[in-house]
Amino acid sequence: MRNFLFALSLFFLGITVQAQELNALVTINSDKVQSSNKQVYNTLQTALTEFINQTEWTQRKVKPQERINCAFTIIVNEQNGNQFNASLQIQATRPVYNSSYATPLLNINDTDFNFQYNEFEPLIYNPNTFDSNLVSTIVFYVYTILGVDADTFARKGGESYFKVAQNAMLQAQQGGGAGWQNQIGKQNRFALIDNLLSSKFVVLRNILYEYHRKGFDFFADDKAKAKMAIENSVMQLERLHNITVGNYMIRVFLDAKADEIVSVFSDGRPTSNQQRMVEILYKIAPTYTDKWKKIKS
């Protein structure tokens, strides 16, 4: 339980621990770029690491062992002076109670990450202004991570964080970047936060809660009961599919969870509705057919 005994000992000792909310690993891959100044990538990597890990993003008091483990991987495709064309991979995990296992929360690949950066310039976040696409994108995903994590511990627990991410999106629209715009059928930052805050897709946020709090967090206590809760959560994805075929929220969930679902249901006796669950997975996510074949039925 996030090192419960350690936290309890600190409580009785009367020690107050203050730390930032994220424990982020930032990696910049510039292999595709022919540049005489590779040092700029090391500088940017260090600056982003400090920006994400040393900023207090919320008013919560967070103990070191409660920080959210996440990764920001930037793959630079082109560089022209201080202009960079890149993609950004965002990953985050959450610890499971009474276990050393960390369950994946997000695995998003943002392929429209263009930004300007001058070496050694400070990274400053002002919630009321648009300063740069670099800062706005990082801030957007920081609060998305915080929101999804909070949703797994309480129903709609991430609402306030998603609203900050939405504000970052609205401010960034001033810069004109395609990733922030409302484009029909486009799976971008606008679509992500718009769907997460939409009452139309609240079922996904309920799934996040049920899957983690009623499923994985009880795995150590009652594996059979936990698997049934996970199964029921996965089957609820069909409701999203019926709202919008090819829904982005299904992809967001399964890009993080597909391998985990296969692992859970490839072990032990099949659950009562496992065959039906597999049929739903084939229906809503046919691109993962090779994975679903590994689930016992």
Protein backbone atom coordinates (compact mmCIF):
# COMPACT_ATOMS: atom_id res chain seq x y z
CA MET A 1 0.00 0.00 0.00
CA ARG A 2 2.56 2.48 -1.23
CA ASN A 3 4.95 1.44 1.51
CA PHE A 4 2.23 1.79 4.13
CA LEU A 5 4.35 0.66 7.06
CA PHE A 6 7.04 3.19 6.25
CA ALA A 7 4.47 5.96 5.98
CA LEU A 8 2.90 4.88 9.26
CA SER A 9 6.26 5.01 11.05
CA LEU A 10 6.81 8.55 9.81
CA PHE A 11 3.39 9.52 11.12
CA PHE A 12 4.12 8.28 14.61
CA LEU A 13 7.48 9.98 14.60
CA GLY A 14 5.73 13.22 13.79
CA ILE A 15 7.81 13.77 10.68
CA THR A 16 6.34 15.77 7.82
CA VAL A 17 7.74 14.96 4.40
CA GLN A 18 7.25 17.29 1.46
CA ALA A 19 8.01 16.22 -2.09
CA GLN A 20 6.85 16.91 -5.59
CA GLU A 21 4.23 14.68 -7.18
CA LEU A 22 6.12 13.02 -10.01
CA ASN A 23 9.18 10.85 -10.35
CA ALA A 24 9.82 11.28 -14.06
CA LEU A 25 12.48 9.83 -16.28
CA VAL A 26 13.11 12.12 -19.26
CA THR A 27 14.94 10.75 -22.28
CA ILE A 28 15.77 12.58 -25.50
CA ASN A 29 16.74 10.53 -28.54
CA SER A 30 18.44 12.58 -31.27
CA ASP A 31 19.81 9.71 -33.37
CA LYS A 32 17.87 10.87 -36.43
CA VAL A 33 19.41 14.34 -36.35
CA GLN A 34 22.74 15.30 -37.87
CA SER A 35 23.86 18.18 -35.68
CA SER A 36 27.18 19.64 -34.62
CA ASN A 37 25.72 20.63 -31.24
CA LYS A 38 24.45 17.51 -29.52
CA GLN A 39 24.96 19.18 -26.14
CA VAL A 40 21.68 21.04 -26.53
CA TYR A 41 19.85 17.73 -26.11
CA ASN A 42 21.62 16.98 -22.85
CA THR A 43 20.81 20.47 -21.62
CA LEU A 44 17.16 20.11 -22.56
CA GLN A 45 16.91 16.67 -20.99
CA THR A 46 18.29 17.98 -17.70
CA ALA A 47 16.05 21.06 -17.80
CA LEU A 48 12.91 19.00 -18.42
CA THR A 49 13.81 16.49 -15.71
CA GLU A 50 14.21 19.29 -13.16
CA PHE A 51 11.09 21.09 -14.39
CA ILE A 52 8.85 18.03 -14.06
CA ASN A 53 10.31 16.60 -10.86
CA GLN A 54 10.94 19.77 -8.89
CA THR A 55 7.74 21.68 -9.61
CA GLU A 56 4.94 21.41 -7.06
CA TRP A 57 2.00 20.73 -9.36
CA THR A 58 -0.68 20.46 -6.68
CA GLN A 59 -1.39 21.56 -3.12
CA ARG A 60 -1.12 17.99 -1.84
CA LYS A 61 1.54 16.90 0.62
CA VAL A 62 3.21 14.01 -1.16
CA LYS A 63 5.64 11.63 0.51
CA PRO A 64 8.61 10.45 -1.58
CA GLN A 65 7.23 6.90 -1.86
CA GLU A 66 3.91 8.28 -3.16
CA ARG A 67 5.35 10.02 -6.19
CA ILE A 68 4.00 8.81 -9.52
CA ASN A 69 6.56 7.01 -11.65
CA CYS A 70 6.39 8.15 -15.25
CA ALA A 71 8.51 8.59 -18.35
CA PHE A 72 8.71 11.26 -21.05
CA THR A 73 10.59 10.06 -24.13
CA ILE A 74 11.26 12.62 -26.85
CA ILE A 75 12.37 11.37 -30.26
CA VAL A 76 13.67 14.26 -32.36
CA ASN A 77 13.04 13.82 -36.08
CA GLU A 78 14.40 17.12 -37.34
CA GLN A 79 16.17 20.20 -36.05
CA ASN A 80 16.43 23.55 -37.80
CA GLY A 81 18.20 26.04 -35.56
CA ASN A 82 16.09 26.33 -32.43
CA GLN A 83 13.10 24.60 -34.06
CA PHE A 84 12.52 20.93 -33.29
CA ASN A 85 10.17 18.42 -34.89
CA ALA A 86 9.65 15.46 -32.59
CA SER A 87 7.35 12.85 -31.13
CA LEU A 88 6.66 12.38 -27.43
CA GLN A 89 5.96 9.09 -25.67
CA ILE A 90 4.25 9.42 -22.28
CA GLN A 91 4.09 6.50 -19.89
CA ALA A 92 2.96 6.26 -16.28
CA THR A 93 2.40 3.50 -13.74
CA ARG A 94 0.60 3.05 -10.44
CA PRO A 95 1.54 0.72 -7.58
CA VAL A 96 -0.88 -2.07 -6.66
CA TYR A 97 -1.80 -2.43 -2.98
CA ASN A 98 -0.05 -5.21 -1.08
CA SER A 99 2.17 -5.92 -4.04
CA SER A 100 5.45 -4.95 -5.65
CA TYR A 101 3.67 -4.78 -9.01
CA ALA A 102 3.16 -1.47 -10.83
CA THR A 103 0.21 -1.39 -13.23
CA PRO A 104 0.52 0.77 -16.37
CA LEU A 105 -1.78 3.80 -16.53
CA LEU A 106 -0.81 5.57 -19.73
CA ASN A 107 1.14 4.77 -22.86
CA ILE A 108 0.50 7.63 -25.28
CA ASN A 109 2.49 8.39 -28.40
CA ASP A 110 2.09 12.05 -29.42
CA THR A 111 3.51 12.35 -32.92
CA ASP A 112 2.79 16.07 -33.32
CA PHE A 113 5.30 17.60 -30.94
CA ASN A 114 6.94 20.61 -32.57
CA PHE A 115 8.63 23.15 -30.34
CA GLN A 116 11.18 25.92 -30.07
CA TYR A 117 14.01 25.78 -27.57
CA ASN A 118 17.07 27.95 -26.99
CA GLU A 119 19.73 26.25 -24.94
CA PHE A 120 19.76 27.28 -21.26
CA GLU A 121 16.51 29.23 -21.48
CA PRO A 122 14.41 28.71 -18.33
CA LEU A 123 11.26 26.60 -18.50
CA ILE A 124 8.53 28.62 -16.82
CA TYR A 125 4.89 27.64 -16.41
CA ASN A 126 2.28 30.38 -16.09
CA PRO A 127 -1.28 28.99 -16.05
CA ASN A 128 -2.67 32.24 -17.43
CA THR A 129 -0.47 32.67 -20.50
CA PHE A 130 0.95 30.69 -23.40
CA ASP A 131 4.74 30.80 -23.29
CA SER A 132 5.87 27.92 -25.47
CA ASN A 133 4.62 24.73 -27.06
CA LEU A 134 7.34 22.85 -25.18
CA VAL A 135 6.16 23.94 -21.74
CA SER A 136 2.46 23.72 -22.57
CA THR A 137 2.75 20.15 -23.87
CA ILE A 138 4.71 18.95 -20.85
CA VAL A 139 2.31 20.67 -18.44
CA PHE A 140 -0.66 19.20 -20.30
CA TYR A 141 0.63 15.66 -19.88
CA VAL A 142 1.73 16.19 -16.29
CA TYR A 143 -1.84 17.04 -15.31
CA THR A 144 -3.23 14.26 -17.49
CA ILE A 145 -1.02 11.80 -15.59
CA LEU A 146 -2.14 13.27 -12.25
CA GLY A 147 -5.77 13.07 -13.32
CA VAL A 148 -5.69 9.48 -14.53
CA ASP A 149 -3.81 8.38 -11.41
CA ALA A 150 -6.37 10.10 -9.16
CA ASP A 151 -9.25 8.51 -11.09
CA THR A 152 -7.93 5.07 -10.16
CA PHE A 153 -8.22 5.84 -6.45
CA ALA A 154 -11.59 7.66 -6.39
CA ARG A 155 -14.46 7.99 -8.82
CA LYS A 156 -13.75 11.05 -10.97
CA GLY A 157 -10.96 11.86 -8.52
CA GLY A 158 -8.90 13.47 -11.28
CA GLU A 159 -11.48 16.08 -12.28
CA SER A 160 -9.54 19.11 -10.98
CA TYR A 161 -6.33 17.96 -12.67
CA PHE A 162 -8.05 17.36 -15.99
CA LYS A 163 -9.43 20.89 -15.84
CA VAL A 164 -5.92 22.30 -15.43
CA ALA A 165 -4.83 20.22 -18.43
CA GLN A 166 -7.79 21.62 -20.34
CA ASN A 167 -6.73 25.15 -19.42
CA ALA A 168 -3.22 24.42 -20.70
CA MET A 169 -4.80 23.24 -23.95
CA LEU A 170 -6.95 26.37 -24.28
CA GLN A 171 -3.98 28.65 -23.65
CA ALA A 172 -1.82 26.70 -26.11
CA GLN A 173 -4.39 27.02 -28.89
CA GLN A 174 -3.12 30.59 -29.25
CA GLY A 175 0.10 29.16 -30.66
CA GLY A 176 -1.77 27.52 -33.52
CA GLY A 177 -0.18 24.08 -33.13
CA ALA A 178 -2.17 21.29 -34.76
CA GLY A 179 -2.06 19.08 -31.66
CA TRP A 180 -4.22 21.57 -29.76
CA GLN A 181 -6.93 22.10 -32.35
CA ASN A 182 -10.42 20.62 -32.56
CA GLN A 183 -10.18 18.57 -35.74
CA ILE A 184 -12.86 16.01 -36.53
CA GLY A 185 -11.49 12.47 -36.28
CA LYS A 186 -8.08 13.66 -35.05
CA GLN A 187 -6.70 11.83 -32.02
CA ASN A 188 -4.69 14.63 -30.47
CA ARG A 189 -4.35 16.56 -27.20
CA PHE A 190 -7.61 18.39 -27.73
CA ALA A 191 -9.50 15.13 -28.27
CA LEU A 192 -7.84 13.50 -25.26
CA ILE A 193 -8.79 16.10 -22.67
CA ASP A 194 -12.14 16.87 -24.29
CA ASN A 195 -13.14 13.22 -24.01
CA LEU A 196 -11.79 12.79 -20.48
CA LEU A 197 -13.97 15.68 -19.29
CA SER A 198 -17.02 14.79 -21.36
CA SER A 199 -20.04 13.31 -19.58
CA LYS A 200 -20.50 11.21 -22.71
CA PHE A 201 -17.39 9.20 -21.85
CA VAL A 202 -17.68 9.08 -18.06
CA VAL A 203 -17.89 5.30 -18.39
CA LEU A 204 -14.12 5.24 -19.04
CA ARG A 205 -13.40 7.01 -15.79
CA ASN A 206 -15.62 4.55 -13.94
CA ILE A 207 -13.69 1.73 -15.61
CA LEU A 208 -10.40 3.24 -14.40
CA TYR A 209 -11.72 3.14 -10.83
CA GLU A 210 -13.32 -0.30 -10.94
CA TYR A 211 -10.40 -1.91 -12.75
CA HIS A 212 -7.83 -0.69 -10.22
CA ARG A 213 -9.55 -0.26 -6.86
CA LYS A 214 -11.93 -3.23 -7.10
CA GLY A 215 -9.68 -5.33 -9.27
CA PHE A 216 -5.93 -5.07 -8.95
CA ASP A 217 -5.87 -3.64 -5.44
CA PHE A 218 -7.62 -6.80 -4.18
CA PHE A 219 -5.56 -9.25 -6.20
CA ALA A 220 -3.42 -10.26 -3.23
CA ASP A 221 -6.47 -10.84 -1.00
CA ASP A 222 -8.82 -12.64 -3.40
CA LYS A 223 -7.46 -13.36 -6.87
CA ALA A 224 -10.68 -14.87 -8.21
CA LYS A 225 -12.81 -11.95 -7.07
CA ALA A 226 -10.26 -9.43 -8.39
CA LYS A 227 -10.20 -11.11 -11.81
CA MET A 228 -13.99 -10.92 -11.99
CA ALA A 229 -13.87 -7.19 -11.23
CA ILE A 230 -11.21 -6.66 -13.92
CA GLU A 231 -13.25 -8.75 -16.35
CA ASN A 232 -16.39 -6.70 -15.68
CA SER A 233 -14.41 -3.48 -16.18
CA VAL A 234 -12.99 -4.62 -19.50
CA MET A 235 -16.43 -5.67 -20.72
CA GLN A 236 -17.70 -2.16 -20.01
CA LEU A 237 -15.45 -0.93 -22.84
CA GLU A 238 -18.15 -2.17 -25.20
CA ARG A 239 -20.30 0.73 -24.04
CA LEU A 240 -17.66 3.16 -25.28
CA HIS A 241 -17.47 1.31 -28.59
CA ASN A 242 -21.23 1.62 -29.00
CA ILE A 243 -21.00 5.38 -28.47
CA THR A 244 -18.36 5.97 -31.13
CA VAL A 245 -16.77 3.28 -33.27
CA GLY A 246 -12.99 3.52 -33.08
CA ASN A 247 -13.26 5.69 -29.98
CA TYR A 248 -10.00 7.29 -28.91
CA MET A 249 -10.64 6.48 -25.25
CA ILE A 250 -10.66 2.74 -25.98
CA ARG A 251 -7.29 3.12 -27.65
CA VAL A 252 -5.90 5.16 -24.74
CA PHE A 253 -6.99 2.49 -22.27
CA LEU A 254 -5.84 -0.54 -24.26
CA ASP A 255 -2.53 0.95 -25.40
CA ALA A 256 -1.63 0.87 -21.72
CA LYS A 257 -3.53 -2.24 -20.63
CA ALA A 258 -3.58 -4.79 -23.49
CA ASP A 259 -0.52 -6.77 -22.39
CA GLU A 260 -1.65 -6.69 -18.78
CA ILE A 261 -5.12 -8.00 -19.64
CA VAL A 262 -3.57 -10.84 -21.63
CA SER A 263 -1.29 -11.68 -18.71
CA VAL A 264 -4.13 -11.74 -16.17
CA PHE A 265 -6.45 -13.92 -18.22
CA SER A 266 -3.81 -16.29 -19.58
CA ASP A 267 -3.12 -17.52 -16.08
CA GLY A 268 -5.30 -19.90 -14.06
CA ARG A 269 -8.84 -21.05 -14.73
CA PRO A 270 -11.01 -18.95 -17.07
CA THR A 271 -13.50 -16.67 -15.33
CA SER A 272 -17.24 -17.10 -15.79
CA ASN A 273 -17.58 -14.48 -18.54
CA GLN A 274 -14.10 -14.75 -20.02
CA GLN A 275 -15.28 -15.97 -23.42
CA ARG A 276 -17.68 -13.04 -23.69
CA MET A 277 -14.93 -10.63 -22.62
CA VAL A 278 -12.63 -11.97 -25.34
CA GLU A 279 -15.38 -11.56 -27.94
CA ILE A 280 -15.77 -7.93 -26.89
CA LEU A 281 -12.01 -7.34 -27.13
CA TYR A 282 -11.94 -8.75 -30.67
CA LYS A 283 -14.83 -6.47 -31.54
CA ILE A 284 -13.58 -3.20 -30.06
CA ALA A 285 -9.84 -3.61 -30.70
CA PRO A 286 -9.20 -5.84 -33.73
CA THR A 287 -5.69 -4.41 -34.13
CA TYR A 288 -4.75 -6.38 -31.02
CA THR A 289 -6.04 -9.70 -32.39
CA ASP A 290 -2.66 -11.42 -31.98
CA LYS A 291 -2.71 -10.52 -28.29
CA TRP A 292 -6.30 -11.59 -27.65
CA LYS A 293 -5.53 -15.03 -29.13
CA LYS A 294 -3.30 -15.68 -26.12
CA ILE A 295 -6.19 -15.39 -23.63
CA LYS A 296 -7.68 -18.65 -22.42
CA SER A 297 -11.28 -19.22 -23.43
